[in-house]
Amino acid sequence: MNHAAFDGVTIVLVTPYRNHTTSVNEDVATEIAARADRAGIHALTALGNTAEVQQLDIDERRSTLRAVALGRTDALLVAGVAGSLGTLLADAEFARDLGYDSVMVHEPADPFGDGSGLVAYYEQVADRAPLPVVLYLRSTRVKGHDLARLVAHPNIVAVKYAREDLFTLATLLNDASAAHCVWINGLAESRVPAFASLGVRGFTSGIANVRPEAALAVHAAARRGDLNGLGELLRDAIGPIEAIRAEDNGRFNVAVLKELLRWHGVEAGDVRAPHSPLTDSARARLRKAAASWAEAASA
């Protein structure tokens, strides 16, 4: 497995639907994945949160995994897995048989359990998973010392770090036990400057569903250390769109991407609750942001 791919751009793919949200549109899922792969995106993630993974049944998850695998030529393939240990491992085996390179483990939705309980859960997954494991961390339930213990596991190869506590991350990056693990900025383009200051240049991207070249331009600027160029990309192009995606606890996170895809000629359907469709106001603001993005790209 090419761990270096996680130092690049990892797209978190949307799940396109037919008939608004009736069923997964495998053809469009393959199209979006293939376009990102051809553009040079380094890793393709099926069934991340941007895929509305919590709202997909088992057949829909597996049809999505198949569709994304068909779109891959060169990129690393990552399968998001969630749920009970048995369900998660069954999905991981299905992904392995499709040619996936690793599994990304979502945080358990169970509201109970402290850091030690989560460590036990992740260790059970890592011990039994048929593929290398990427941890996806959003909450701060797992403390720094527990995380240092986790990433020492030989089957945990990367951490998608979607937490704001960069002090903990900085401490972990200086820990020898974390040396074999690749750290990924899980907060997307808007946090690239902060993570890059710690030496973490790989990041996840939703925008890459629509404009993979924009995500790659952000990555290239970060690698060059071009802070001015990076600032312009984020301020004039990506930042206003990401702000709409993030407002009100991310209610429009997926709807924004599907609307942008629609404006680019790709029909990906609507979103399932608890995701929210765009309001008229949000759509108007998105049109203005997208127009600024187009102007910045042509300048």
C-alpha atoms as a PDB file:
ATOM      1  CA  MET A   1       0.000   0.000   0.000  1.00  0.00           C
ATOM      2  CA  ASN A   2       1.308   3.435  -0.983  1.00  0.00           C
ATOM      3  CA  HIS A   3       1.011   5.372   2.275  1.00  0.00           C
ATOM      4  CA  ALA A   4       2.500   8.438   0.574  1.00  0.00           C
ATOM      5  CA  ALA A   5      -0.833   9.006  -1.175  1.00  0.00           C
ATOM      6  CA  PHE A   6      -2.223  10.252   2.143  1.00  0.00           C
ATOM      7  CA  ASP A   7       0.246  13.146   1.962  1.00  0.00           C
ATOM      8  CA  GLY A   8      -1.756  14.370  -1.018  1.00  0.00           C
ATOM      9  CA  VAL A   9      -5.441  15.120  -1.579  1.00  0.00           C
ATOM     10  CA  THR A  10      -7.985  12.572  -0.379  1.00  0.00           C
ATOM     11  CA  ILE A  11     -11.382  13.170  -1.938  1.00  0.00           C
ATOM     12  CA  VAL A  12     -14.419  12.236   0.173  1.00  0.00           C
ATOM     13  CA  LEU A  13     -16.924  11.307  -2.498  1.00  0.00           C
ATOM     14  CA  VAL A  14     -20.613  12.148  -2.415  1.00  0.00           C
ATOM     15  CA  THR A  15     -23.193   9.424  -2.939  1.00  0.00           C
ATOM     16  CA  PRO A  16     -25.300  10.344  -5.965  1.00  0.00           C
ATOM     17  CA  TYR A  17     -28.950   9.284  -6.072  1.00  0.00           C
ATOM     18  CA  ARG A  18     -31.563   8.599  -8.701  1.00  0.00           C
ATOM     19  CA  ASN A  19     -35.061  10.124  -8.421  1.00  0.00           C
ATOM     20  CA  HIS A  20     -34.078  12.670  -5.763  1.00  0.00           C
ATOM     21  CA  THR A  21     -32.906  10.174  -3.072  1.00  0.00           C
ATOM     22  CA  THR A  22     -34.619   6.934  -4.061  1.00  0.00           C
ATOM     23  CA  SER A  23     -31.581   4.798  -4.928  1.00  0.00           C
ATOM     24  CA  VAL A  24     -27.840   5.054  -5.444  1.00  0.00           C
ATOM     25  CA  ASN A  25     -26.834   6.106  -8.951  1.00  0.00           C
ATOM     26  CA  GLU A  26     -23.825   3.851  -9.517  1.00  0.00           C
ATOM     27  CA  ASP A  27     -23.075   5.264 -12.962  1.00  0.00           C
ATOM     28  CA  VAL A  28     -22.707   8.800 -11.642  1.00  0.00           C
ATOM     29  CA  ALA A  29     -20.701   7.593  -8.629  1.00  0.00           C
ATOM     30  CA  THR A  30     -18.251   5.929 -11.014  1.00  0.00           C
ATOM     31  CA  GLU A  31     -18.133   9.067 -13.177  1.00  0.00           C
ATOM     32  CA  ILE A  32     -17.271  11.365 -10.259  1.00  0.00           C
ATOM     33  CA  ALA A  33     -14.615   8.971  -8.949  1.00  0.00           C
ATOM     34  CA  ALA A  34     -13.068   8.486 -12.398  1.00  0.00           C
ATOM     35  CA  ARG A  35     -12.920  12.220 -13.038  1.00  0.00           C
ATOM     36  CA  ALA A  36     -11.115  12.816  -9.746  1.00  0.00           C
ATOM     37  CA  ASP A  37      -8.705   9.972 -10.493  1.00  0.00           C
ATOM     38  CA  ARG A  38      -7.909  11.309 -13.972  1.00  0.00           C
ATOM     39  CA  ALA A  39      -7.287  14.774 -12.512  1.00  0.00           C
ATOM     40  CA  GLY A  40      -4.578  13.338 -10.264  1.00  0.00           C
ATOM     41  CA  ILE A  41      -6.354  13.141  -6.901  1.00  0.00           C
ATOM     42  CA  HIS A  42      -4.212  10.888  -4.743  1.00  0.00           C
ATOM     43  CA  ALA A  43      -6.839   8.911  -2.793  1.00  0.00           C
ATOM     44  CA  LEU A  44     -10.542   8.192  -3.282  1.00  0.00           C
ATOM     45  CA  THR A  45     -12.713   7.681  -0.199  1.00  0.00           C
ATOM     46  CA  ALA A  46     -16.062   5.968  -0.589  1.00  0.00           C
ATOM     47  CA  LEU A  47     -18.527   6.136   2.310  1.00  0.00           C
ATOM     48  CA  GLY A  48     -17.128   9.062   4.242  1.00  0.00           C
ATOM     49  CA  ASN A  49     -19.496  11.463   5.994  1.00  0.00           C
ATOM     50  CA  THR A  50     -19.880  13.440   2.765  1.00  0.00           C
ATOM     51  CA  ALA A  51     -21.329  10.232   1.290  1.00  0.00           C
ATOM     52  CA  GLU A  52     -24.216  10.358   3.818  1.00  0.00           C
ATOM     53  CA  VAL A  53     -22.921   6.994   4.993  1.00  0.00           C
ATOM     54  CA  GLN A  54     -25.135   6.908   8.087  1.00  0.00           C
ATOM     55  CA  GLN A  55     -28.243   7.058   5.877  1.00  0.00           C
ATOM     56  CA  LEU A  56     -27.280   4.194   3.531  1.00  0.00           C
ATOM     57  CA  ASP A  57     -28.448   0.630   4.027  1.00  0.00           C
ATOM     58  CA  ILE A  58     -26.104  -2.315   3.486  1.00  0.00           C
ATOM     59  CA  ASP A  59     -27.021  -2.803  -0.175  1.00  0.00           C
ATOM     60  CA  GLU A  60     -26.553   0.898  -0.886  1.00  0.00           C
ATOM     61  CA  ARG A  61     -23.173   0.934   0.856  1.00  0.00           C
ATOM     62  CA  ARG A  62     -21.986  -1.975  -1.190  1.00  0.00           C
ATOM     63  CA  SER A  63     -23.270  -0.628  -4.481  1.00  0.00           C
ATOM     64  CA  THR A  64     -21.399   2.601  -3.692  1.00  0.00           C
ATOM     65  CA  LEU A  65     -18.214   0.680  -2.952  1.00  0.00           C
ATOM     66  CA  ARG A  66     -18.521  -1.170  -6.266  1.00  0.00           C
ATOM     67  CA  ALA A  67     -19.174   2.011  -8.216  1.00  0.00           C
ATOM     68  CA  VAL A  68     -16.205   3.903  -6.773  1.00  0.00           C
ATOM     69  CA  ALA A  69     -13.880   0.940  -7.339  1.00  0.00           C
ATOM     70  CA  LEU A  70     -14.856   0.941 -11.009  1.00  0.00           C
ATOM     71  CA  GLY A  71     -13.768   4.578 -11.269  1.00  0.00           C
ATOM     72  CA  ARG A  72     -10.272   4.010  -9.894  1.00  0.00           C
ATOM     73  CA  THR A  73      -7.244   3.730 -12.146  1.00  0.00           C
ATOM     74  CA  ASP A  74      -4.299   5.113 -10.170  1.00  0.00           C
ATOM     75  CA  ALA A  75      -5.561   6.570  -6.900  1.00  0.00           C
ATOM     76  CA  LEU A  76      -5.515   4.841  -3.532  1.00  0.00           C
ATOM     77  CA  LEU A  77      -8.922   3.356  -2.663  1.00  0.00           C
ATOM     78  CA  VAL A  78     -10.298   3.901   0.841  1.00  0.00           C
ATOM     79  CA  ALA A  79     -13.561   2.415   2.111  1.00  0.00           C
ATOM     80  CA  GLY A  80     -15.392   4.064   4.992  1.00  0.00           C
ATOM     81  CA  VAL A  81     -16.740   1.542   7.493  1.00  0.00           C
ATOM     82  CA  ALA A  82     -19.005   2.071  10.497  1.00  0.00           C
ATOM     83  CA  GLY A  83     -21.297   0.322  12.926  1.00  0.00           C
ATOM     84  CA  SER A  84     -20.971  -2.791  15.040  1.00  0.00           C
ATOM     85  CA  LEU A  85     -17.735  -4.740  14.863  1.00  0.00           C
ATOM     86  CA  GLY A  86     -19.334  -7.555  12.870  1.00  0.00           C
ATOM     87  CA  THR A  87     -20.941  -5.175  10.348  1.00  0.00           C
ATOM     88  CA  LEU A  88     -17.761  -3.168  10.005  1.00  0.00           C
ATOM     89  CA  LEU A  89     -15.579  -6.232   9.394  1.00  0.00           C
ATOM     90  CA  ALA A  90     -18.021  -7.659   6.843  1.00  0.00           C
ATOM     91  CA  ASP A  91     -17.934  -4.389   4.901  1.00  0.00           C
ATOM     92  CA  ALA A  92     -14.128  -4.351   5.142  1.00  0.00           C
ATOM     93  CA  GLU A  93     -13.951  -7.836   3.651  1.00  0.00           C
ATOM     94  CA  PHE A  94     -16.303  -6.792   0.860  1.00  0.00           C
ATOM     95  CA  ALA A  95     -14.077  -3.779   0.151  1.00  0.00           C
ATOM     96  CA  ARG A  96     -10.941  -5.929   0.152  1.00  0.00           C
ATOM     97  CA  ASP A  97     -12.466  -8.226  -2.452  1.00  0.00           C
ATOM     98  CA  LEU A  98     -13.185  -5.182  -4.652  1.00  0.00           C
ATOM     99  CA  GLY A  99      -9.535  -4.123  -4.530  1.00  0.00           C
ATOM    100  CA  TYR A 100      -9.673  -1.419  -1.860  1.00  0.00           C
ATOM    101  CA  ASP A 101      -6.353  -0.542  -0.240  1.00  0.00           C
ATOM    102  CA  SER A 102      -7.520   0.463   3.238  1.00  0.00           C
ATOM    103  CA  VAL A 103     -10.542   1.071   5.439  1.00  0.00           C
ATOM    104  CA  MET A 104     -11.374   4.314   7.216  1.00  0.00           C
ATOM    105  CA  VAL A 105     -13.087   3.660  10.548  1.00  0.00           C
ATOM    106  CA  HIS A 106     -15.749   6.181  11.536  1.00  0.00           C
ATOM    107  CA  GLU A 107     -16.120   7.060  15.204  1.00  0.00           C
ATOM    108  CA  PRO A 108     -18.866   4.950  16.797  1.00  0.00           C
ATOM    109  CA  ALA A 109     -22.234   6.691  16.946  1.00  0.00           C
ATOM    110  CA  ASP A 110     -22.850   5.191  20.401  1.00  0.00           C
ATOM    111  CA  PRO A 111     -22.939   8.175  22.808  1.00  0.00           C
ATOM    112  CA  PHE A 112     -21.505   6.152  25.697  1.00  0.00           C
ATOM    113  CA  GLY A 113     -17.926   5.158  26.344  1.00  0.00           C
ATOM    114  CA  ASP A 114     -14.849   7.129  27.270  1.00  0.00           C
ATOM    115  CA  GLY A 115     -11.453   7.211  25.601  1.00  0.00           C
ATOM    116  CA  SER A 116     -10.438   3.823  26.936  1.00  0.00           C
ATOM    117  CA  GLY A 117     -13.591   2.268  25.495  1.00  0.00           C
ATOM    118  CA  LEU A 118     -12.902   3.787  22.100  1.00  0.00           C
ATOM    119  CA  VAL A 119      -9.318   2.570  22.228  1.00  0.00           C
ATOM    120  CA  ALA A 120     -10.575  -0.958  22.884  1.00  0.00           C
ATOM    121  CA  TYR A 121     -12.996  -0.668  19.935  1.00  0.00           C
ATOM    122  CA  TYR A 122     -10.318   0.605  17.541  1.00  0.00           C
ATOM    123  CA  GLU A 123      -7.825  -2.025  18.670  1.00  0.00           C
ATOM    124  CA  GLN A 124     -10.358  -4.782  18.017  1.00  0.00           C
ATOM    125  CA  VAL A 125     -10.912  -3.389  14.534  1.00  0.00           C
ATOM    126  CA  ALA A 126      -7.190  -3.075  13.839  1.00  0.00           C
ATOM    127  CA  ASP A 127      -6.509  -6.606  15.095  1.00  0.00           C
ATOM    128  CA  ARG A 128      -9.131  -8.156  12.814  1.00  0.00           C
ATOM    129  CA  ALA A 129      -9.492  -5.896   9.786  1.00  0.00           C
ATOM    130  CA  PRO A 130      -8.416  -7.515   6.507  1.00  0.00           C
ATOM    131  CA  LEU A 131      -6.995  -4.186   5.278  1.00  0.00           C
ATOM    132  CA  PRO A 132      -4.802  -1.442   6.735  1.00  0.00           C
ATOM    133  CA  VAL A 133      -6.794   0.920   8.956  1.00  0.00           C
ATOM    134  CA  VAL A 134      -7.236   4.685   8.840  1.00  0.00           C
ATOM    135  CA  LEU A 135      -8.735   6.200  11.992  1.00  0.00           C
ATOM    136  CA  TYR A 136     -11.198   9.040  11.504  1.00  0.00           C
ATOM    137  CA  LEU A 137     -11.233  11.195  14.630  1.00  0.00           C
ATOM    138  CA  ARG A 138     -13.739  14.023  15.066  1.00  0.00           C
ATOM    139  CA  SER A 139     -14.345  14.189  18.814  1.00  0.00           C
ATOM    140  CA  THR A 140     -11.789  14.641  21.567  1.00  0.00           C
ATOM    141  CA  ARG A 141     -12.879  11.558  23.501  1.00  0.00           C
ATOM    142  CA  VAL A 142      -9.582   9.842  22.673  1.00  0.00           C
ATOM    143  CA  LYS A 143      -6.913  11.774  24.549  1.00  0.00           C
ATOM    144  CA  GLY A 144      -3.361  12.277  23.385  1.00  0.00           C
ATOM    145  CA  HIS A 145      -1.774   9.452  25.375  1.00  0.00           C
ATOM    146  CA  ASP A 146      -4.434   6.992  24.214  1.00  0.00           C
ATOM    147  CA  LEU A 147      -4.009   8.102  20.628  1.00  0.00           C
ATOM    148  CA  ALA A 148      -0.242   7.592  20.891  1.00  0.00           C
ATOM    149  CA  ARG A 149      -0.922   4.039  22.013  1.00  0.00           C
ATOM    150  CA  LEU A 150      -3.375   3.456  19.156  1.00  0.00           C
ATOM    151  CA  VAL A 151      -1.168   4.656  16.334  1.00  0.00           C
ATOM    152  CA  ALA A 152       1.604   2.359  17.496  1.00  0.00           C
ATOM    153  CA  HIS A 153      -0.561  -0.537  16.274  1.00  0.00           C
ATOM    154  CA  PRO A 154       1.091  -1.976  13.134  1.00  0.00           C
ATOM    155  CA  ASN A 155      -2.185  -2.135  11.200  1.00  0.00           C
ATOM    156  CA  ILE A 156      -3.129   1.511  11.804  1.00  0.00           C
ATOM    157  CA  VAL A 157      -1.410   3.334   8.964  1.00  0.00           C
ATOM    158  CA  ALA A 158      -3.014   6.778   9.014  1.00  0.00           C
ATOM    159  CA  VAL A 159      -5.192   9.129  11.045  1.00  0.00           C
ATOM    160  CA  LYS A 160      -7.715  11.493   9.502  1.00  0.00           C
ATOM    161  CA  TYR A 161      -7.475  14.169  12.173  1.00  0.00           C
ATOM    162  CA  ALA A 162     -10.674  16.236  12.096  1.00  0.00           C
ATOM    163  CA  ARG A 163     -10.198  17.898  15.469  1.00  0.00           C
ATOM    164  CA  GLU A 164      -9.391  21.524  16.195  1.00  0.00           C
ATOM    165  CA  ASP A 165      -6.939  20.721  19.014  1.00  0.00           C
ATOM    166  CA  LEU A 166      -3.741  21.087  17.024  1.00  0.00           C
ATOM    167  CA  PHE A 167      -1.691  21.251  20.216  1.00  0.00           C
ATOM    168  CA  THR A 168      -2.401  17.555  20.768  1.00  0.00           C
ATOM    169  CA  LEU A 169      -1.485  16.829  17.168  1.00  0.00           C
ATOM    170  CA  ALA A 170       1.782  18.740  17.479  1.00  0.00           C
ATOM    171  CA  THR A 171       2.669  16.701  20.555  1.00  0.00           C
ATOM    172  CA  LEU A 172       1.869  13.442  18.785  1.00  0.00           C
ATOM    173  CA  LEU A 173       3.964  14.367  15.772  1.00  0.00           C
ATOM    174  CA  ASN A 174       6.974  14.483  18.081  1.00  0.00           C
ATOM    175  CA  ASP A 175       6.207  11.029  19.519  1.00  0.00           C
ATOM    176  CA  ALA A 176       8.329   8.194  18.141  1.00  0.00           C
ATOM    177  CA  SER A 177       5.393   5.767  18.414  1.00  0.00           C
ATOM    178  CA  ALA A 178       3.558   7.782  15.742  1.00  0.00           C
ATOM    179  CA  ALA A 179       6.429   7.739  13.274  1.00  0.00           C
ATOM    180  CA  HIS A 180       5.031   5.048  10.960  1.00  0.00           C
ATOM    181  CA  CYS A 181       1.591   6.682  10.813  1.00  0.00           C
ATOM    182  CA  VAL A 182       0.552   9.256   8.210  1.00  0.00           C
ATOM    183  CA  TRP A 183      -1.435  12.199   9.588  1.00  0.00           C
ATOM    184  CA  ILE A 184      -4.120  13.750   7.416  1.00  0.00           C
ATOM    185  CA  ASN A 185      -5.801  17.117   7.842  1.00  0.00           C
ATOM    186  CA  GLY A 186      -9.427  16.010   8.107  1.00  0.00           C
ATOM    187  CA  LEU A 187     -10.770  19.578   8.188  1.00  0.00           C
ATOM    188  CA  ALA A 188     -10.298  20.192   4.452  1.00  0.00           C
ATOM    189  CA  GLU A 189      -8.867  23.134   2.534  1.00  0.00           C
ATOM    190  CA  SER A 190      -9.736  25.869   5.023  1.00  0.00           C
ATOM    191  CA  ARG A 191      -7.363  24.403   7.618  1.00  0.00           C
ATOM    192  CA  VAL A 192      -4.494  23.659   5.257  1.00  0.00           C
ATOM    193  CA  PRO A 193      -2.317  26.593   6.447  1.00  0.00           C
ATOM    194  CA  ALA A 194      -2.625  25.577  10.117  1.00  0.00           C
ATOM    195  CA  PHE A 195      -1.890  21.912   9.490  1.00  0.00           C
ATOM    196  CA  ALA A 196       0.898  22.705   7.018  1.00  0.00           C
ATOM    197  CA  SER A 197       2.641  24.730   9.728  1.00  0.00           C
ATOM    198  CA  LEU A 198       3.008  21.415  11.584  1.00  0.00           C
ATOM    199  CA  GLY A 199       4.281  19.622   8.484  1.00  0.00           C
ATOM    200  CA  VAL A 200       0.952  17.955   7.640  1.00  0.00           C
ATOM    201  CA  ARG A 201       0.163  18.785   4.012  1.00  0.00           C
ATOM    202  CA  GLY A 202      -2.211  15.986   3.078  1.00  0.00           C
ATOM    203  CA  PHE A 203      -5.893  16.827   3.467  1.00  0.00           C
ATOM    204  CA  THR A 204      -9.381  15.583   2.744  1.00  0.00           C
ATOM    205  CA  SER A 205     -11.536  17.431   0.256  1.00  0.00           C
ATOM    206  CA  GLY A 206     -15.207  17.625  -0.618  1.00  0.00           C
ATOM    207  CA  ILE A 207     -14.642  20.402  -3.169  1.00  0.00           C
ATOM    208  CA  ALA A 208     -12.687  17.878  -5.262  1.00  0.00           C
ATOM    209  CA  ASN A 209     -16.012  16.244  -6.168  1.00  0.00           C
ATOM    210  CA  VAL A 210     -16.684  19.333  -8.271  1.00  0.00           C
ATOM    211  CA  ARG A 211     -13.304  20.907  -8.975  1.00  0.00           C
ATOM    212  CA  PRO A 212     -10.479  18.431  -8.311  1.00  0.00           C
ATOM    213  CA  GLU A 213      -7.987  20.795  -9.903  1.00  0.00           C
ATOM    214  CA  ALA A 214      -8.776  23.430  -7.253  1.00  0.00           C
ATOM    215  CA  ALA A 215      -8.016  21.016  -4.415  1.00  0.00           C
ATOM    216  CA  LEU A 216      -4.780  19.997  -6.159  1.00  0.00           C
ATOM    217  CA  ALA A 217      -3.809  23.658  -6.554  1.00  0.00           C
ATOM    218  CA  VAL A 218      -4.215  24.158  -2.790  1.00  0.00           C
ATOM    219  CA  HIS A 219      -2.036  21.113  -2.151  1.00  0.00           C
ATOM    220  CA  ALA A 220       0.629  22.312  -4.584  1.00  0.00           C
ATOM    221  CA  ALA A 221       0.732  25.753  -2.958  1.00  0.00           C
ATOM    222  CA  ALA A 222       1.093  24.178   0.497  1.00  0.00           C
ATOM    223  CA  ARG A 223       3.946  21.967  -0.675  1.00  0.00           C
ATOM    224  CA  ARG A 224       5.731  24.948  -2.212  1.00  0.00           C
ATOM    225  CA  GLY A 225       5.247  26.969   0.947  1.00  0.00           C
ATOM    226  CA  ASP A 226       3.491  29.590  -1.176  1.00  0.00           C
ATOM    227  CA  LEU A 227       1.469  31.288   1.544  1.00  0.00           C
ATOM    228  CA  ASN A 228       0.344  34.146  -0.683  1.00  0.00           C
ATOM    229  CA  GLY A 229      -0.921  31.819  -3.374  1.00  0.00           C
ATOM    230  CA  LEU A 230      -2.561  29.600  -0.782  1.00  0.00           C
ATOM    231  CA  GLY A 231      -4.257  32.556   0.839  1.00  0.00           C
ATOM    232  CA  GLU A 232      -5.630  33.749  -2.504  1.00  0.00           C
ATOM    233  CA  LEU A 233      -7.035  30.327  -3.344  1.00  0.00           C
ATOM    234  CA  LEU A 234      -8.753  30.012   0.001  1.00  0.00           C
ATOM    235  CA  ARG A 235     -10.001  33.585   0.223  1.00  0.00           C
ATOM    236  CA  ASP A 236     -11.175  34.148  -3.336  1.00  0.00           C
ATOM    237  CA  ALA A 237     -12.221  30.705  -4.485  1.00  0.00           C
ATOM    238  CA  ILE A 238     -12.762  27.942  -1.975  1.00  0.00           C
ATOM    239  CA  GLY A 239     -13.285  29.787   1.316  1.00  0.00           C
ATOM    240  CA  PRO A 240     -16.718  31.333   0.598  1.00  0.00           C
ATOM    241  CA  ILE A 241     -18.093  27.979  -0.583  1.00  0.00           C
ATOM    242  CA  GLU A 242     -16.661  26.108   2.387  1.00  0.00           C
ATOM    243  CA  ALA A 243     -18.230  28.672   4.710  1.00  0.00           C
ATOM    244  CA  ILE A 244     -21.692  27.853   3.372  1.00  0.00           C
ATOM    245  CA  ARG A 245     -21.007  24.126   3.750  1.00  0.00           C
ATOM    246  CA  ALA A 246     -19.948  24.579   7.368  1.00  0.00           C
ATOM    247  CA  GLU A 247     -22.709  26.830   8.691  1.00  0.00           C
ATOM    248  CA  ASP A 248     -25.236  25.550  11.238  1.00  0.00           C
ATOM    249  CA  ASN A 249     -23.250  22.423  12.089  1.00  0.00           C
ATOM    250  CA  GLY A 250     -22.707  21.563   8.439  1.00  0.00           C
ATOM    251  CA  ARG A 251     -26.372  21.299   7.482  1.00  0.00           C
ATOM    252  CA  PHE A 252     -25.555  22.162   3.837  1.00  0.00           C
ATOM    253  CA  ASN A 253     -22.294  20.225   3.697  1.00  0.00           C
ATOM    254  CA  VAL A 254     -23.476  17.769   1.040  1.00  0.00           C
ATOM    255  CA  ALA A 255     -26.235  19.865  -0.540  1.00  0.00           C
ATOM    256  CA  VAL A 256     -23.682  22.491  -1.610  1.00  0.00           C
ATOM    257  CA  LEU A 257     -21.587  19.897  -3.429  1.00  0.00           C
ATOM    258  CA  LYS A 258     -24.580  18.342  -5.143  1.00  0.00           C
ATOM    259  CA  GLU A 259     -25.822  21.751  -6.274  1.00  0.00           C
ATOM    260  CA  LEU A 260     -22.382  22.626  -7.653  1.00  0.00           C
ATOM    261  CA  LEU A 261     -22.236  19.291  -9.456  1.00  0.00           C
ATOM    262  CA  ARG A 262     -25.658  20.024 -10.944  1.00  0.00           C
ATOM    263  CA  TRP A 263     -24.410  23.396 -12.216  1.00  0.00           C
ATOM    264  CA  HIS A 264     -21.465  21.528 -13.767  1.00  0.00           C
ATOM    265  CA  GLY A 265     -23.769  19.139 -15.609  1.00  0.00           C
ATOM    266  CA  VAL A 266     -23.625  16.195 -13.197  1.00  0.00           C
ATOM    267  CA  GLU A 267     -26.923  15.226 -11.574  1.00  0.00           C
ATOM    268  CA  ALA A 268     -26.249  13.676  -8.157  1.00  0.00           C
ATOM    269  CA  GLY A 269     -29.756  13.934  -6.729  1.00  0.00           C
ATOM    270  CA  ASP A 270     -30.750  15.462  -3.426  1.00  0.00           C
ATOM    271  CA  VAL A 271     -29.788  14.781   0.203  1.00  0.00           C
ATOM    272  CA  ARG A 272     -31.341  12.616   2.880  1.00  0.00           C
ATOM    273  CA  ALA A 273     -32.243  13.923   6.327  1.00  0.00           C
ATOM    274  CA  PRO A 274     -30.666  14.937   8.645  1.00  0.00           C
ATOM    275  CA  HIS A 275     -28.732  16.676   5.859  1.00  0.00           C
ATOM    276  CA  SER A 276     -30.661  19.728   4.665  1.00  0.00           C
ATOM    277  CA  PRO A 277     -31.432  20.900   1.135  1.00  0.00           C
ATOM    278  CA  LEU A 278     -30.321  24.407   0.276  1.00  0.00           C
ATOM    279  CA  THR A 279     -32.631  27.232   1.209  1.00  0.00           C
ATOM    280  CA  ASP A 280     -33.270  29.944  -1.395  1.00  0.00           C
ATOM    281  CA  SER A 281     -30.985  32.250   0.557  1.00  0.00           C
ATOM    282  CA  ALA A 282     -28.163  29.710   0.730  1.00  0.00           C
ATOM    283  CA  ARG A 283     -28.523  28.966  -2.988  1.00  0.00           C
ATOM    284  CA  ALA A 284     -28.247  32.660  -3.834  1.00  0.00           C
ATOM    285  CA  ARG A 285     -25.129  33.002  -1.715  1.00  0.00           C
ATOM    286  CA  LEU A 286     -23.684  29.887  -3.327  1.00  0.00           C
ATOM    287  CA  ARG A 287     -24.273  31.341  -6.802  1.00  0.00           C
ATOM    288  CA  LYS A 288     -22.365  34.464  -5.815  1.00  0.00           C
ATOM    289  CA  ALA A 289     -19.507  32.417  -4.331  1.00  0.00           C
ATOM    290  CA  ALA A 290     -19.359  30.141  -7.370  1.00  0.00           C
ATOM    291  CA  ALA A 291     -19.224  33.173  -9.683  1.00  0.00           C
ATOM    292  CA  SER A 292     -16.278  34.555  -7.707  1.00  0.00           C
ATOM    293  CA  TRP A 293     -14.634  31.141  -7.921  1.00  0.00           C
ATOM    294  CA  ALA A 294     -14.990  31.117 -11.713  1.00  0.00           C
ATOM    295  CA  GLU A 295     -13.564  34.638 -11.940  1.00  0.00           C
ATOM    296  CA  ALA A 296     -10.593  33.688  -9.748  1.00  0.00           C
ATOM    297  CA  ALA A 297      -9.905  30.602 -11.867  1.00  0.00           C
ATOM    298  CA  SER A 298      -9.881  32.600 -15.105  1.00  0.00           C
ATOM    299  CA  ALA A 299      -7.779  35.479 -13.777  1.00  0.00           C
END
